[in-house]
C-alpha atoms as a PDB file:
ATOM      1  CA  MET A   1      -3.095 -13.642 -12.364  1.00  0.00           C
ATOM      2  CA  SER A   2      -1.575 -16.800 -11.048  1.00  0.00           C
ATOM      3  CA  GLY A   3       0.327 -17.880  -7.976  1.00  0.00           C
ATOM      4  CA  THR A   4       4.044 -17.278  -7.773  1.00  0.00           C
ATOM      5  CA  ASP A   5       5.201 -20.090  -5.472  1.00  0.00           C
ATOM      6  CA  GLN A   6       6.786 -17.476  -3.224  1.00  0.00           C
ATOM      7  CA  SER A   7       5.741 -14.876  -0.684  1.00  0.00           C
ATOM      8  CA  HIS A   8       6.314 -11.186  -1.334  1.00  0.00           C
ATOM      9  CA  ALA A   9       6.217 -10.308   2.374  1.00  0.00           C
ATOM     10  CA  THR A  10       9.119  -8.200   3.598  1.00  0.00           C
ATOM     11  CA  GLY A  11       8.056  -8.330   7.203  1.00  0.00           C
ATOM     12  CA  ALA A  12       5.567  -9.958   9.513  1.00  0.00           C
ATOM     13  CA  SER A  13       2.464 -11.555   8.037  1.00  0.00           C
ATOM     14  CA  LYS A  14      -0.740 -12.970   9.478  1.00  0.00           C
ATOM     15  CA  VAL A  15      -1.398 -14.797   6.181  1.00  0.00           C
ATOM     16  CA  PRO A  16      -0.614 -18.530   6.200  1.00  0.00           C
ATOM     17  CA  GLU A  17       2.589 -19.381   4.313  1.00  0.00           C
ATOM     18  CA  SER A  18       0.800 -21.649   1.843  1.00  0.00           C
ATOM     19  CA  VAL A  19      -1.603 -18.819   0.923  1.00  0.00           C
ATOM     20  CA  GLN A  20       1.305 -16.374   0.560  1.00  0.00           C
ATOM     21  CA  GLN A  21       3.046 -18.724  -1.846  1.00  0.00           C
ATOM     22  CA  ASN A  22      -0.047 -19.220  -4.013  1.00  0.00           C
ATOM     23  CA  ALA A  23      -1.421 -15.686  -4.062  1.00  0.00           C
ATOM     24  CA  PRO A  24      -0.560 -13.359  -6.958  1.00  0.00           C
ATOM     25  CA  LYS A  25       1.767 -10.477  -6.049  1.00  0.00           C
ATOM     26  CA  GLU A  26      -1.064  -8.010  -6.743  1.00  0.00           C
ATOM     27  CA  VAL A  27      -3.235  -9.696  -4.099  1.00  0.00           C
ATOM     28  CA  GLU A  28      -0.425  -9.627  -1.540  1.00  0.00           C
ATOM     29  CA  ASN A  29       0.272  -5.940  -2.235  1.00  0.00           C
ATOM     30  CA  ALA A  30      -3.409  -5.077  -1.851  1.00  0.00           C
ATOM     31  CA  LEU A  31      -3.457  -6.343   1.733  1.00  0.00           C
ATOM     32  CA  PRO A  32      -2.827  -3.793   4.490  1.00  0.00           C
ATOM     33  CA  ASN A  33       0.789  -3.921   5.708  1.00  0.00           C
ATOM     34  CA  GLN A  34      -0.501  -4.577   9.247  1.00  0.00           C
ATOM     35  CA  VAL A  35      -1.829  -7.895   7.950  1.00  0.00           C
ATOM     36  CA  HIS A  36       0.786  -8.813   5.346  1.00  0.00           C
ATOM     37  CA  ASN A  37       3.774  -6.459   5.137  1.00  0.00           C
ATOM     38  CA  THR A  38       5.024  -6.280   1.558  1.00  0.00           C
ATOM     39  CA  GLY A  39       6.455  -2.803   1.822  1.00  0.00           C
ATOM     40  CA  SER A  40       3.883  -1.780  -0.746  1.00  0.00           C
ATOM     41  CA  GLN A  41       2.615   1.742  -0.923  1.00  0.00           C
ATOM     42  CA  SER A  42      -0.772   0.834   0.511  1.00  0.00           C
ATOM     43  CA  GLN A  43      -0.740   3.867   2.732  1.00  0.00           C
ATOM     44  CA  SER A  44      -1.373   7.562   2.527  1.00  0.00           C
ATOM     45  CA  HIS A  45       1.525  10.002   2.595  1.00  0.00           C
ATOM     46  CA  ALA A  46      -0.658  12.949   3.597  1.00  0.00           C
ATOM     47  CA  THR A  47       0.679  15.147   6.383  1.00  0.00           C
ATOM     48  CA  GLY A  48      -2.640  16.870   7.011  1.00  0.00           C
ATOM     49  CA  PRO A  49      -6.313  16.934   5.993  1.00  0.00           C
ATOM     50  CA  SER A  50      -6.802  15.871   2.379  1.00  0.00           C
ATOM     51  CA  MET A  51      -9.579  16.345  -0.172  1.00  0.00           C
ATOM     52  CA  VAL A  52      -8.603  12.988  -1.774  1.00  0.00           C
ATOM     53  CA  PRO A  53     -10.710  10.044  -0.599  1.00  0.00           C
ATOM     54  CA  GLU A  54      -8.782   7.799   1.812  1.00  0.00           C
ATOM     55  CA  ALA A  55      -9.206   4.696  -0.379  1.00  0.00           C
ATOM     56  CA  ILE A  56      -7.477   6.508  -3.252  1.00  0.00           C
ATOM     57  CA  GLN A  57      -4.758   7.856  -0.951  1.00  0.00           C
ATOM     58  CA  ASN A  58      -3.969   4.303   0.145  1.00  0.00           C
ATOM     59  CA  LEU A  59      -3.574   3.038  -3.421  1.00  0.00           C
ATOM     60  CA  ALA A  60      -1.894   6.010  -5.089  1.00  0.00           C
ATOM     61  CA  PRO A  61       1.885   5.923  -5.602  1.00  0.00           C
ATOM     62  CA  LYS A  62       3.818   8.332  -3.377  1.00  0.00           C
ATOM     63  CA  GLY A  63       4.936  10.349  -6.439  1.00  0.00           C
ATOM     64  CA  LEU A  64       1.329  10.938  -7.472  1.00  0.00           C
ATOM     65  CA  GLU A  65       0.395  12.085  -3.985  1.00  0.00           C
ATOM     66  CA  GLU A  66       3.355  14.486  -3.913  1.00  0.00           C
ATOM     67  CA  ALA A  67       2.395  15.871  -7.363  1.00  0.00           C
ATOM     68  CA  LEU A  68      -0.968  17.089  -6.100  1.00  0.00           C
ATOM     69  CA  PRO A  69      -1.222  20.703  -4.867  1.00  0.00           C
ATOM     70  CA  GLU A  70      -0.649  21.081  -1.137  1.00  0.00           C
ATOM     71  CA  SER A  71      -4.082  22.722  -0.825  1.00  0.00           C
ATOM     72  CA  VAL A  72      -5.694  19.523  -2.114  1.00  0.00           C
ATOM     73  CA  HIS A  73      -3.456  16.848  -0.582  1.00  0.00           C
ATOM     74  CA  PRO A  74      -0.664  18.071   1.743  1.00  0.00           C
ATOM     75  CA  THR A  75       2.451  15.868   1.751  1.00  0.00           C
ATOM     76  CA  ASN A  76       5.183  18.266   2.885  1.00  0.00           C
ATOM     77  CA  PRO A  77       6.132  17.975   6.555  1.00  0.00           C
ATOM     78  CA  LYS A  78       5.359  21.083   8.517  1.00  0.00           C
END
């Protein structure tokens, strides 16, 4: 991984601009959107209690979350 000379933020960021420009995209995407908004899927799409650990929910793509049975990881709005 190497720096990209650009920020991948799509919104507000608390990360200094020079750090944004030198950080690999993967590092930027791993930050919570409240800190550095990249529009990444670093959030859970669960609509209720889930059997999936929260850390995994926050990293899993939305399509994977939606593929899980509702009884394991609910994603359909009620």
